[in-house]
Amino acid sequence: QVQLVESGGGLVQPGGSLRLSCEASGFTLRYYNLGWFRQAPGKEHEGVSCLLDSDGSTYYTDSVKGRFTISRDNAKNTVYLEMTDLKPEDTAVYYCARSTPSTTLQEMCIEGDTFGSWGQGTQVTVSS
């Protein structure tokens, strides 16, 4: 069964850190571009960070630059999102997704061009 399973979310105080994981099953992540998206209550999905398979180029939305880091472990078939200095406005459900290698960072992270189904998401709540 092809699926993506996110984990690692939770409740954290402002300034805290979390590491999100997304494990793939039924397919090999290494042949795809990977990305993290989020949806806050009442808002549209937003591309948070994306990673190209071809050359490792990355994209981060402006609000998370310098605080979030995307990475992949092909041996574990897993993509990660390391989040530091978390802010209340980071509160959202976070999803991982993939895109085909021909998709650009802009197409994937800004335009939302992804391939296949997303996972169920993991809730991140930043609150004191």
C-alpha atoms as a PDB file:
ATOM      1  CA  GLN A   1       0.000   0.000   0.000  1.00  0.00           C
ATOM      2  CA  VAL A   2       1.382   3.370  -1.042  1.00  0.00           C
ATOM      3  CA  GLN A   3       1.256   5.842   1.800  1.00  0.00           C
ATOM      4  CA  LEU A   4       3.019   8.615   3.678  1.00  0.00           C
ATOM      5  CA  VAL A   5       2.824   8.648   7.451  1.00  0.00           C
ATOM      6  CA  GLU A   6       3.721  11.809   9.347  1.00  0.00           C
ATOM      7  CA  SER A   7       4.678  11.877  13.010  1.00  0.00           C
ATOM      8  CA  GLY A   8       6.435  14.025  15.568  1.00  0.00           C
ATOM      9  CA  GLY A   9       3.908  16.770  16.117  1.00  0.00           C
ATOM     10  CA  GLY A  10       2.744  17.942  19.499  1.00  0.00           C
ATOM     11  CA  LEU A  11       2.275  20.832  21.865  1.00  0.00           C
ATOM     12  CA  VAL A  12       5.331  23.015  22.374  1.00  0.00           C
ATOM     13  CA  GLN A  13       5.968  26.384  23.976  1.00  0.00           C
ATOM     14  CA  PRO A  14       7.086  29.352  21.873  1.00  0.00           C
ATOM     15  CA  GLY A  15      10.800  29.094  21.220  1.00  0.00           C
ATOM     16  CA  GLY A  16      10.721  25.321  21.409  1.00  0.00           C
ATOM     17  CA  SER A  17      11.683  22.730  18.820  1.00  0.00           C
ATOM     18  CA  LEU A  18      10.165  19.708  17.139  1.00  0.00           C
ATOM     19  CA  ARG A  19      11.305  17.253  14.493  1.00  0.00           C
ATOM     20  CA  LEU A  20       8.656  15.957  12.151  1.00  0.00           C
ATOM     21  CA  SER A  21       9.133  12.673  10.324  1.00  0.00           C
ATOM     22  CA  CYS A  22       7.398  11.321   7.248  1.00  0.00           C
ATOM     23  CA  GLU A  23       7.942   7.685   6.414  1.00  0.00           C
ATOM     24  CA  ALA A  24       6.983   6.328   3.031  1.00  0.00           C
ATOM     25  CA  SER A  25       5.742   2.840   2.370  1.00  0.00           C
ATOM     26  CA  GLY A  26       4.909   1.127  -0.892  1.00  0.00           C
ATOM     27  CA  PHE A  27       7.340   3.231  -2.885  1.00  0.00           C
ATOM     28  CA  THR A  28      10.890   4.582  -2.695  1.00  0.00           C
ATOM     29  CA  LEU A  29      11.233   8.225  -1.665  1.00  0.00           C
ATOM     30  CA  ARG A  30      14.618   8.673  -3.272  1.00  0.00           C
ATOM     31  CA  TYR A  31      13.119   9.020  -6.746  1.00  0.00           C
ATOM     32  CA  TYR A  32      10.919  11.980  -5.855  1.00  0.00           C
ATOM     33  CA  ASN A  33      11.107  15.572  -4.762  1.00  0.00           C
ATOM     34  CA  LEU A  34       9.785  15.930  -1.237  1.00  0.00           C
ATOM     35  CA  GLY A  35       8.006  18.662   0.620  1.00  0.00           C
ATOM     36  CA  TRP A  36       6.248  19.723   3.770  1.00  0.00           C
ATOM     37  CA  PHE A  37       3.005  21.656   3.702  1.00  0.00           C
ATOM     38  CA  ARG A  38       0.819  22.997   6.469  1.00  0.00           C
ATOM     39  CA  GLN A  39      -2.732  24.124   6.972  1.00  0.00           C
ATOM     40  CA  ALA A  40      -3.731  26.376   9.824  1.00  0.00           C
ATOM     41  CA  PRO A  41      -7.385  26.675  10.887  1.00  0.00           C
ATOM     42  CA  GLY A  42      -9.324  28.716   8.374  1.00  0.00           C
ATOM     43  CA  LYS A  43      -6.379  29.037   5.997  1.00  0.00           C
ATOM     44  CA  GLU A  44      -5.279  27.475   2.741  1.00  0.00           C
ATOM     45  CA  HIS A  45      -2.545  24.884   2.472  1.00  0.00           C
ATOM     46  CA  GLU A  46       0.884  26.497   2.458  1.00  0.00           C
ATOM     47  CA  GLY A  47       4.135  25.090   1.113  1.00  0.00           C
ATOM     48  CA  VAL A  48       6.594  25.241   4.004  1.00  0.00           C
ATOM     49  CA  SER A  49       9.688  23.596   2.554  1.00  0.00           C
ATOM     50  CA  CYS A  50      10.585  21.482  -0.461  1.00  0.00           C
ATOM     51  CA  LEU A  51      13.646  19.497  -1.474  1.00  0.00           C
ATOM     52  CA  LEU A  52      14.670  18.537  -4.994  1.00  0.00           C
ATOM     53  CA  ASP A  53      15.851  14.993  -5.626  1.00  0.00           C
ATOM     54  CA  SER A  54      18.155  16.028  -8.485  1.00  0.00           C
ATOM     55  CA  ASP A  55      20.564  18.394  -6.760  1.00  0.00           C
ATOM     56  CA  GLY A  56      19.333  18.828  -3.197  1.00  0.00           C
ATOM     57  CA  SER A  57      18.090  22.376  -3.787  1.00  0.00           C
ATOM     58  CA  THR A  58      15.668  23.582  -1.169  1.00  0.00           C
ATOM     59  CA  TYR A  59      12.869  26.080  -0.785  1.00  0.00           C
ATOM     60  CA  TYR A  60      11.608  27.603   2.442  1.00  0.00           C
ATOM     61  CA  THR A  61       8.699  29.944   2.802  1.00  0.00           C
ATOM     62  CA  ASP A  62       9.875  33.293   4.145  1.00  0.00           C
ATOM     63  CA  SER A  63       8.322  32.898   7.581  1.00  0.00           C
ATOM     64  CA  VAL A  64      10.382  29.786   8.408  1.00  0.00           C
ATOM     65  CA  LYS A  65      13.747  30.661   6.853  1.00  0.00           C
ATOM     66  CA  GLY A  66      16.545  30.204   9.330  1.00  0.00           C
ATOM     67  CA  ARG A  67      14.319  28.198  11.678  1.00  0.00           C
ATOM     68  CA  PHE A  68      13.259  25.084   9.736  1.00  0.00           C
ATOM     69  CA  THR A  69      15.425  22.524   7.936  1.00  0.00           C
ATOM     70  CA  ILE A  70      14.244  19.830   5.547  1.00  0.00           C
ATOM     71  CA  SER A  71      16.271  16.669   5.065  1.00  0.00           C
ATOM     72  CA  ARG A  72      15.885  13.121   3.825  1.00  0.00           C
ATOM     73  CA  ASP A  73      17.269   9.724   4.794  1.00  0.00           C
ATOM     74  CA  ASN A  74      16.962   7.467   1.790  1.00  0.00           C
ATOM     75  CA  ALA A  75      18.030   4.414   3.767  1.00  0.00           C
ATOM     76  CA  LYS A  76      15.076   4.939   6.107  1.00  0.00           C
ATOM     77  CA  ASN A  77      12.768   6.069   3.300  1.00  0.00           C
ATOM     78  CA  THR A  78      11.973   9.077   5.457  1.00  0.00           C
ATOM     79  CA  VAL A  79      11.885  12.856   5.104  1.00  0.00           C
ATOM     80  CA  TYR A  80      12.261  15.154   8.095  1.00  0.00           C
ATOM     81  CA  LEU A  81      11.420  18.710   9.040  1.00  0.00           C
ATOM     82  CA  GLU A  82      13.514  20.094  11.872  1.00  0.00           C
ATOM     83  CA  MET A  83      11.710  23.059  13.414  1.00  0.00           C
ATOM     84  CA  THR A  84      13.346  25.419  15.886  1.00  0.00           C
ATOM     85  CA  ASP A  85      12.338  28.702  17.545  1.00  0.00           C
ATOM     86  CA  LEU A  86       8.728  27.813  17.024  1.00  0.00           C
ATOM     87  CA  LYS A  87       6.149  30.589  17.039  1.00  0.00           C
ATOM     88  CA  PRO A  88       2.393  30.537  17.653  1.00  0.00           C
ATOM     89  CA  GLU A  89       1.853  31.263  13.957  1.00  0.00           C
ATOM     90  CA  ASP A  90       3.499  27.913  13.136  1.00  0.00           C
ATOM     91  CA  THR A  91       0.472  26.170  14.633  1.00  0.00           C
ATOM     92  CA  ALA A  92      -1.033  23.983  11.915  1.00  0.00           C
ATOM     93  CA  VAL A  93      -1.459  20.456  10.662  1.00  0.00           C
ATOM     94  CA  TYR A  94       1.714  19.520   8.811  1.00  0.00           C
ATOM     95  CA  TYR A  95       1.677  17.185   5.823  1.00  0.00           C
ATOM     96  CA  CYS A  96       4.403  15.707   3.674  1.00  0.00           C
ATOM     97  CA  ALA A  97       4.061  15.147  -0.037  1.00  0.00           C
ATOM     98  CA  ARG A  98       6.069  14.156  -3.066  1.00  0.00           C
ATOM     99  CA  SER A  99       6.370  15.341  -6.624  1.00  0.00           C
ATOM    100  CA  THR A 100       7.911  13.930  -9.764  1.00  0.00           C
ATOM    101  CA  PRO A 101      11.546  14.808 -10.521  1.00  0.00           C
ATOM    102  CA  SER A 102      10.558  17.139 -13.358  1.00  0.00           C
ATOM    103  CA  THR A 103       8.639  19.396 -10.965  1.00  0.00           C
ATOM    104  CA  THR A 104      10.412  22.585  -9.955  1.00  0.00           C
ATOM    105  CA  LEU A 105      10.613  23.957  -6.421  1.00  0.00           C
ATOM    106  CA  GLN A 106       8.233  26.746  -7.375  1.00  0.00           C
ATOM    107  CA  GLU A 107       5.749  24.369  -8.921  1.00  0.00           C
ATOM    108  CA  MET A 108       5.774  22.113  -5.919  1.00  0.00           C
ATOM    109  CA  CYS A 109       6.018  24.424  -2.938  1.00  0.00           C
ATOM    110  CA  ILE A 110       4.351  27.582  -4.239  1.00  0.00           C
ATOM    111  CA  GLU A 111       1.867  26.224  -6.748  1.00  0.00           C
ATOM    112  CA  GLY A 112       1.156  23.003  -4.859  1.00  0.00           C
ATOM    113  CA  ASP A 113       1.956  20.634  -7.720  1.00  0.00           C
ATOM    114  CA  THR A 114       2.354  17.318  -5.929  1.00  0.00           C
ATOM    115  CA  PHE A 115       2.008  13.673  -6.927  1.00  0.00           C
ATOM    116  CA  GLY A 116      -0.112  11.050  -5.274  1.00  0.00           C
ATOM    117  CA  SER A 117      -1.970  11.243  -1.995  1.00  0.00           C
ATOM    118  CA  TRP A 118      -0.805  13.044   1.124  1.00  0.00           C
ATOM    119  CA  GLY A 119      -0.517  11.562   4.581  1.00  0.00           C
ATOM    120  CA  GLN A 120      -2.976  12.168   7.386  1.00  0.00           C
ATOM    121  CA  GLY A 121      -0.886  14.981   8.801  1.00  0.00           C
ATOM    122  CA  THR A 122       0.518  15.691  12.243  1.00  0.00           C
ATOM    123  CA  GLN A 123      -0.698  18.504  14.471  1.00  0.00           C
ATOM    124  CA  VAL A 124       1.777  21.104  15.692  1.00  0.00           C
ATOM    125  CA  THR A 125       0.528  23.486  18.348  1.00  0.00           C
ATOM    126  CA  VAL A 126       2.742  26.288  19.621  1.00  0.00           C
ATOM    127  CA  SER A 127       1.312  27.830  22.750  1.00  0.00           C
ATOM    128  CA  SER A 128       2.316  28.897  26.229  1.00  0.00           C
END
